[in-house]
Amino acid sequence: MPELPEVETVRRGLEARIRGRSIESAAVASNRVFRVDPQWLRSQIVGQRVVALDRRGKYLVIELDDWYWVVHLGMTGQLTVKGKDASGAGSDRRPDGFTDIADALDRHTPLALRFSTGEVMTFRDVRKFGRVFLIAKVQGALTDLFGSLGLEPLGSSYCLEDFLKKLKGRKTRLKSMLLNQGFVAGVGNIYADEALFEAALHPARTVRSLSRAEKEALFRAIPEVLEKGLLYGGTTLRDYVGSDGEPGQNQNGLRVYGRDERACYRCGTVIQKMVISQRGTHYCPTCQPRSRKKEKPNVVRTSAV
């Protein structure tokens, strides 16, 4: 957490605010999130223009004139922009509220920068599991970083043929496989549980137990739950916010994740929780049987987002 929908929500928000803007100034503080020397990073990005914003799995790629500035939000990372129209106290303060860009730094905020138009963007990470890279823009520059990532589940490159090839020869449990970024990039604990529920597959089942129809159901379910998360601005359980600082709303419509001991929206059975790959895993024992599903359970629908 954040997973693909959260990172993509941040990317879209930042694109609307900072694309085409030049970085006027930057401030950094020593922090383990940096994969390069932070002072060197600061010296290289000041004066650079934001050319484009992209995403690969859970990685956000901010393309500058000469660099790829890559950010992984980890568990609690937040990239937010404070608008130039925000008012600050005192006539000596900039419209963004900071007299000096370093004022934006604190023990959880190791990076802040101001754009030529006045917006201030900060990177905040309480748990410090996020990562910040700066990679020179040369051919194949991102290959080493992204080379081990699996299928990109949103977009035209996601196809059933490649999906089935990725499944071939795997013997692991379904939940463990979905958490592996080398299979499908961007899926984490929340959306793995949601995808398995939508596909009517028990998380402890193994890949080799799946029929062709069940494989196709999982193929369809993964982008379906990710698109839903994106539609509602991501899932906020505690720390995640979009680039505008606002929480997502997808948590209000989760079908199984975090709903243990509550009734399934589809059949009324109590949602169960187990641990797979050291991660809490939620499922409906009726809608997601441990063996191949032969017939549909009686459906009792209740409302949810």
Protein backbone atom coordinates (compact mmCIF):
# COMPACT_ATOMS: atom_id res chain seq x y z
CA MET A 1 0.00 0.00 0.00
CA PRO A 2 -0.21 2.26 -1.98
CA GLU A 3 -0.91 -0.07 -4.91
CA LEU A 4 -1.45 0.59 -8.61
CA PRO A 5 -4.73 2.57 -8.37
CA GLU A 6 -3.28 4.84 -5.69
CA VAL A 7 -0.06 5.49 -7.63
CA GLU A 8 -1.98 6.09 -10.86
CA THR A 9 -4.31 8.50 -9.06
CA VAL A 10 -1.28 10.43 -7.81
CA ARG A 11 0.25 10.40 -11.30
CA ARG A 12 -2.87 11.83 -12.90
CA GLY A 13 -3.18 14.50 -10.25
CA LEU A 14 0.45 15.55 -10.61
CA GLU A 15 0.25 15.56 -14.38
CA ALA A 16 -2.49 18.17 -14.25
CA ARG A 17 -0.48 20.33 -11.85
CA ILE A 18 3.21 20.08 -12.74
CA ARG A 19 3.62 18.86 -16.30
CA GLY A 20 5.50 21.47 -18.32
CA ARG A 21 6.59 23.30 -15.14
CA SER A 22 10.22 24.05 -14.33
CA ILE A 23 11.72 23.33 -10.92
CA GLU A 24 12.77 26.66 -9.42
CA SER A 25 14.27 25.43 -6.15
CA ALA A 26 14.49 22.29 -4.03
CA ALA A 27 15.35 21.33 -0.46
CA VAL A 28 16.37 17.91 0.83
CA ALA A 29 17.13 16.28 4.17
CA SER A 30 19.17 13.16 4.80
CA ASN A 31 16.83 10.19 4.71
CA ARG A 32 17.02 6.51 3.82
CA VAL A 33 14.37 6.91 1.12
CA PHE A 34 17.01 8.31 -1.24
CA ARG A 35 18.76 5.79 -3.50
CA VAL A 36 21.22 8.53 -4.54
CA ASP A 37 22.95 11.29 -2.58
CA PRO A 38 20.13 13.75 -1.79
CA GLN A 39 22.27 16.87 -2.20
CA TRP A 40 23.41 15.65 -5.61
CA LEU A 41 19.81 14.96 -6.55
CA ARG A 42 18.84 18.48 -5.54
CA SER A 43 21.64 20.00 -7.65
CA GLN A 44 20.59 18.01 -10.71
CA ILE A 45 16.84 18.61 -10.70
CA VAL A 46 16.81 22.38 -10.07
CA GLY A 47 16.23 24.11 -13.39
CA GLN A 48 14.82 20.97 -15.01
CA ARG A 49 11.40 20.93 -16.65
CA VAL A 50 8.79 18.21 -16.09
CA VAL A 51 8.37 16.69 -19.55
CA ALA A 52 5.96 13.85 -18.73
CA LEU A 53 4.68 11.60 -15.97
CA ASP A 54 4.40 7.84 -16.31
CA ARG A 55 3.87 4.79 -14.12
CA ARG A 56 5.16 1.23 -14.14
CA GLY A 57 3.50 -1.02 -11.59
CA LYS A 58 3.79 0.82 -8.27
CA TYR A 59 6.58 3.11 -9.53
CA LEU A 60 5.90 6.73 -10.49
CA VAL A 61 8.21 8.09 -13.20
CA ILE A 62 8.60 11.86 -13.46
CA GLU A 63 10.45 12.54 -16.69
CA LEU A 64 12.62 15.67 -16.59
CA ASP A 65 14.68 17.23 -19.39
CA ASP A 66 17.74 15.11 -18.61
CA TRP A 67 16.61 12.65 -15.93
CA TYR A 68 14.06 10.11 -14.87
CA TRP A 69 13.02 10.93 -11.33
CA VAL A 70 11.49 7.70 -10.05
CA VAL A 71 9.48 7.43 -6.83
CA HIS A 72 8.14 4.34 -5.06
CA LEU A 73 5.69 5.35 -2.33
CA GLY A 74 6.37 2.29 -0.16
CA MET A 75 3.78 1.89 2.59
CA THR A 76 3.15 5.47 3.68
CA GLY A 77 4.64 7.72 0.99
CA GLN A 78 2.72 10.83 -0.05
CA LEU A 79 3.44 13.15 -2.99
CA THR A 80 1.29 16.25 -2.69
CA VAL A 81 1.20 19.69 -4.28
CA LYS A 82 0.38 22.86 -2.37
CA GLY A 83 -1.23 25.36 -4.73
CA LYS A 84 0.25 28.76 -5.47
CA ASP A 85 -3.05 30.34 -4.42
CA ALA A 86 -2.74 29.03 -0.85
CA SER A 87 -2.47 31.90 1.60
CA GLY A 88 0.28 32.13 4.20
CA ALA A 89 0.46 34.20 7.35
CA GLY A 90 2.53 37.36 7.01
CA SER A 91 3.31 39.64 4.08
CA ASP A 92 6.87 38.26 3.78
CA ARG A 93 5.61 34.80 2.87
CA ARG A 94 5.26 33.44 -0.66
CA PRO A 95 1.76 32.74 -2.04
CA ASP A 96 2.42 29.03 -1.47
CA GLY A 97 2.82 29.66 2.25
CA PHE A 98 6.59 29.11 2.59
CA THR A 99 9.15 31.90 2.94
CA ASP A 100 11.86 29.41 2.00
CA ILE A 101 11.38 26.00 0.43
CA ALA A 102 13.27 24.40 3.33
CA ASP A 103 10.36 25.41 5.59
CA ALA A 104 8.41 22.53 4.02
CA LEU A 105 10.83 19.92 5.42
CA ASP A 106 10.27 18.04 8.66
CA ARG A 107 11.37 14.67 10.05
CA HIS A 108 8.86 12.87 7.84
CA THR A 109 9.30 15.11 4.77
CA PRO A 110 12.79 14.76 3.28
CA LEU A 111 12.10 16.43 -0.08
CA ALA A 112 10.36 19.61 -1.18
CA LEU A 113 10.55 21.61 -4.37
CA ARG A 114 9.01 24.74 -5.79
CA PHE A 115 8.01 25.14 -9.40
CA SER A 116 8.38 28.32 -11.40
CA THR A 117 4.63 28.90 -11.17
CA GLY A 118 4.68 28.83 -7.36
CA GLU A 119 3.38 25.33 -6.54
CA VAL A 120 5.27 23.41 -3.89
CA MET A 121 5.49 19.63 -4.08
CA THR A 122 6.58 17.57 -1.06
CA PHE A 123 7.39 13.92 -0.50
CA ARG A 124 6.35 12.71 2.96
CA ASP A 125 6.94 9.19 4.27
CA VAL A 126 6.38 8.35 7.94
CA ARG A 127 7.55 4.72 7.74
CA LYS A 128 10.45 5.52 5.37
CA PHE A 129 9.87 2.49 3.14
CA GLY A 130 9.53 4.67 0.05
CA ARG A 131 12.32 5.03 -2.50
CA VAL A 132 13.55 7.98 -4.57
CA PHE A 133 15.79 7.40 -7.59
CA LEU A 134 17.38 9.72 -10.17
CA ILE A 135 18.40 8.01 -13.40
CA ALA A 136 20.04 9.62 -16.43
CA LYS A 137 17.89 9.65 -19.59
CA VAL A 138 19.73 7.27 -21.88
CA GLN A 139 18.40 4.39 -23.95
CA GLY A 140 17.37 1.49 -21.72
CA ALA A 141 17.91 3.55 -18.57
CA LEU A 142 14.96 2.06 -16.70
CA THR A 143 15.55 -1.54 -17.74
CA ASP A 144 17.51 -2.53 -14.64
CA LEU A 145 14.92 -1.02 -12.33
CA PHE A 146 11.82 -2.34 -14.10
CA GLY A 147 13.18 -5.41 -15.86
CA SER A 148 11.84 -7.89 -13.32
CA LEU A 149 8.31 -6.44 -13.24
CA GLY A 150 5.48 -8.52 -14.68
CA LEU A 151 2.52 -7.68 -16.86
CA GLU A 152 1.09 -4.16 -16.77
CA PRO A 153 -2.61 -4.85 -16.03
CA LEU A 154 -4.08 -1.60 -17.38
CA GLY A 155 -3.79 -0.81 -21.06
CA SER A 156 -3.57 -2.56 -24.40
CA SER A 157 -0.42 -4.56 -23.57
CA TYR A 158 -2.34 -6.72 -21.09
CA CYS A 159 -3.46 -9.80 -23.03
CA LEU A 160 -4.70 -13.28 -22.19
CA GLU A 161 -1.95 -15.05 -24.12
CA ASP A 162 0.81 -13.44 -22.04
CA PHE A 163 -1.19 -14.00 -18.86
CA LEU A 164 -1.50 -17.72 -19.52
CA LYS A 165 2.22 -17.95 -20.29
CA LYS A 166 2.97 -16.34 -16.94
CA LEU A 167 0.82 -18.96 -15.21
CA LYS A 168 2.46 -21.91 -16.92
CA GLY A 169 4.52 -24.09 -14.60
CA ARG A 170 3.63 -22.19 -11.42
CA LYS A 171 2.69 -24.25 -8.38
CA THR A 172 2.30 -21.52 -5.78
CA ARG A 173 -0.91 -20.44 -4.05
CA LEU A 174 -2.95 -17.81 -5.83
CA LYS A 175 -2.57 -15.10 -3.20
CA SER A 176 1.21 -15.53 -3.12
CA MET A 177 1.37 -15.36 -6.90
CA LEU A 178 -0.63 -12.12 -7.06
CA LEU A 179 1.69 -10.49 -4.52
CA ASN A 180 4.67 -11.33 -6.73
CA GLN A 181 5.41 -8.22 -8.80
CA GLY A 182 7.05 -10.42 -11.41
CA PHE A 183 3.63 -11.83 -12.32
CA VAL A 184 1.39 -8.76 -12.62
CA ALA A 185 2.90 -5.43 -11.61
CA GLY A 186 1.05 -3.14 -9.22
CA VAL A 187 -1.18 -5.61 -7.37
CA GLY A 188 -0.74 -5.72 -3.59
CA ASN A 189 -2.60 -7.15 -0.63
CA ILE A 190 -5.86 -5.23 -1.03
CA TYR A 191 -6.46 -5.73 -4.73
CA ALA A 192 -5.22 -9.33 -4.67
CA ASP A 193 -8.01 -10.21 -2.22
CA GLU A 194 -10.56 -8.25 -4.24
CA ALA A 195 -9.53 -9.85 -7.55
CA LEU A 196 -9.73 -13.37 -6.12
CA PHE A 197 -13.20 -12.63 -4.78
CA GLU A 198 -14.37 -11.31 -8.16
CA ALA A 199 -12.95 -14.42 -9.85
CA ALA A 200 -14.57 -16.71 -7.23
CA LEU A 201 -11.20 -18.26 -6.39
CA HIS A 202 -10.01 -19.28 -2.93
CA PRO A 203 -6.69 -17.54 -2.11
CA ALA A 204 -5.09 -20.79 -0.89
CA ARG A 205 -5.72 -22.67 -4.10
CA THR A 206 -2.69 -23.39 -6.27
CA VAL A 207 -2.16 -22.21 -9.82
CA ARG A 208 -2.06 -25.73 -11.18
CA SER A 209 -5.53 -26.45 -9.75
CA LEU A 210 -7.14 -23.86 -12.03
CA SER A 211 -9.23 -24.72 -15.04
CA ARG A 212 -8.92 -22.67 -18.21
CA ALA A 213 -12.18 -20.89 -17.38
CA GLU A 214 -10.90 -19.97 -13.91
CA LYS A 215 -7.66 -18.59 -15.36
CA GLU A 216 -9.66 -16.42 -17.72
CA ALA A 217 -11.85 -15.25 -14.83
CA LEU A 218 -8.78 -14.16 -12.89
CA PHE A 219 -7.37 -12.45 -15.99
CA ARG A 220 -10.55 -10.35 -16.21
CA ALA A 221 -10.89 -9.72 -12.47
CA ILE A 222 -7.48 -8.12 -11.95
CA PRO A 223 -7.98 -5.02 -14.15
CA GLU A 224 -11.63 -4.86 -13.08
CA VAL A 225 -10.83 -4.28 -9.40
CA LEU A 226 -7.91 -1.99 -10.26
CA GLU A 227 -10.12 0.17 -12.49
CA LYS A 228 -12.71 0.35 -9.74
CA GLY A 229 -10.05 1.49 -7.27
CA LEU A 230 -8.93 4.12 -9.74
CA LEU A 231 -12.50 5.30 -10.33
CA TYR A 232 -12.90 6.06 -6.61
CA GLY A 233 -9.51 7.73 -6.22
CA GLY A 234 -7.75 4.81 -4.53
CA THR A 235 -8.18 3.07 -1.20
CA THR A 236 -7.39 5.00 1.98
CA LEU A 237 -7.08 2.82 5.05
CA ARG A 238 -4.76 5.15 6.94
CA ASP A 239 -1.99 7.08 5.17
CA TYR A 240 -2.76 7.25 1.46
CA VAL A 241 -3.84 10.56 -0.07
CA GLY A 242 -3.89 11.80 -3.65
CA SER A 243 -1.69 14.59 -4.95
CA ASP A 244 -4.24 17.10 -3.66
CA GLY A 245 -3.98 15.70 -0.12
CA GLU A 246 -7.47 14.18 -0.24
CA PRO A 247 -8.13 10.53 0.74
CA GLY A 248 -9.52 7.97 -1.69
CA GLN A 249 -13.02 6.48 -1.37
CA ASN A 250 -12.58 2.92 -2.65
CA GLN A 251 -12.38 1.55 0.90
CA ASN A 252 -16.14 2.09 1.10
CA GLY A 253 -16.75 -0.46 -1.63
CA LEU A 254 -14.30 -3.25 -0.82
CA ARG A 255 -15.97 -6.65 -1.05
CA VAL A 256 -13.73 -8.74 1.19
CA TYR A 257 -10.54 -6.95 2.21
CA GLY A 258 -10.75 -5.79 5.84
CA ARG A 259 -14.29 -7.17 6.18
CA ASP A 260 -13.54 -10.29 8.26
CA GLU A 261 -16.38 -11.24 10.60
CA ARG A 262 -18.86 -9.30 8.46
CA ALA A 263 -21.43 -10.66 6.01
CA CYS A 264 -20.53 -11.18 2.37
CA TYR A 265 -22.39 -8.73 0.13
CA ARG A 266 -23.21 -11.53 -2.30
CA CYS A 267 -24.30 -14.49 -0.20
CA GLY A 268 -24.43 -13.37 3.43
CA THR A 269 -21.71 -15.78 4.62
CA VAL A 270 -19.29 -14.38 7.20
CA ILE A 271 -16.03 -13.21 5.59
CA GLN A 272 -13.01 -15.13 6.88
CA LYS A 273 -9.37 -14.14 7.35
CA MET A 274 -6.24 -16.26 7.04
CA VAL A 275 -2.52 -15.59 6.63
CA ILE A 276 -0.79 -16.35 3.32
CA SER A 277 2.78 -15.23 2.60
CA GLN A 278 2.71 -13.38 5.93
CA ARG A 279 -0.16 -11.20 4.74
CA GLY A 280 -3.67 -11.01 6.10
CA THR A 281 -5.95 -12.55 3.47
CA HIS A 282 -9.71 -12.12 3.31
CA TYR A 283 -12.21 -14.32 1.49
CA CYS A 284 -15.77 -15.61 1.44
CA PRO A 285 -15.81 -19.39 2.05
CA THR A 286 -19.05 -19.75 0.07
CA CYS A 287 -18.26 -17.57 -2.95
CA GLN A 288 -14.63 -18.76 -2.99
CA PRO A 289 -14.62 -22.51 -2.30
CA ARG A 290 -11.31 -24.36 -1.88
CA SER A 291 -12.14 -26.72 -4.72
CA ARG A 292 -13.47 -26.00 -8.19
CA LYS A 293 -16.82 -24.28 -8.06
CA LYS A 294 -19.53 -26.48 -9.56
CA GLU A 295 -22.57 -24.30 -9.05
CA LYS A 296 -23.31 -20.78 -7.95
CA PRO A 297 -24.48 -20.18 -4.36
CA ASN A 298 -27.80 -18.52 -3.66
CA VAL A 299 -27.17 -14.80 -4.06
CA VAL A 300 -28.41 -12.23 -1.57
CA ARG A 301 -27.27 -8.80 -2.75
CA THR A 302 -26.80 -5.84 -0.45
CA SER A 303 -25.68 -2.38 -1.44
CA ALA A 304 -22.09 -1.15 -1.52
CA VAL A 305 -20.17 1.49 -3.43
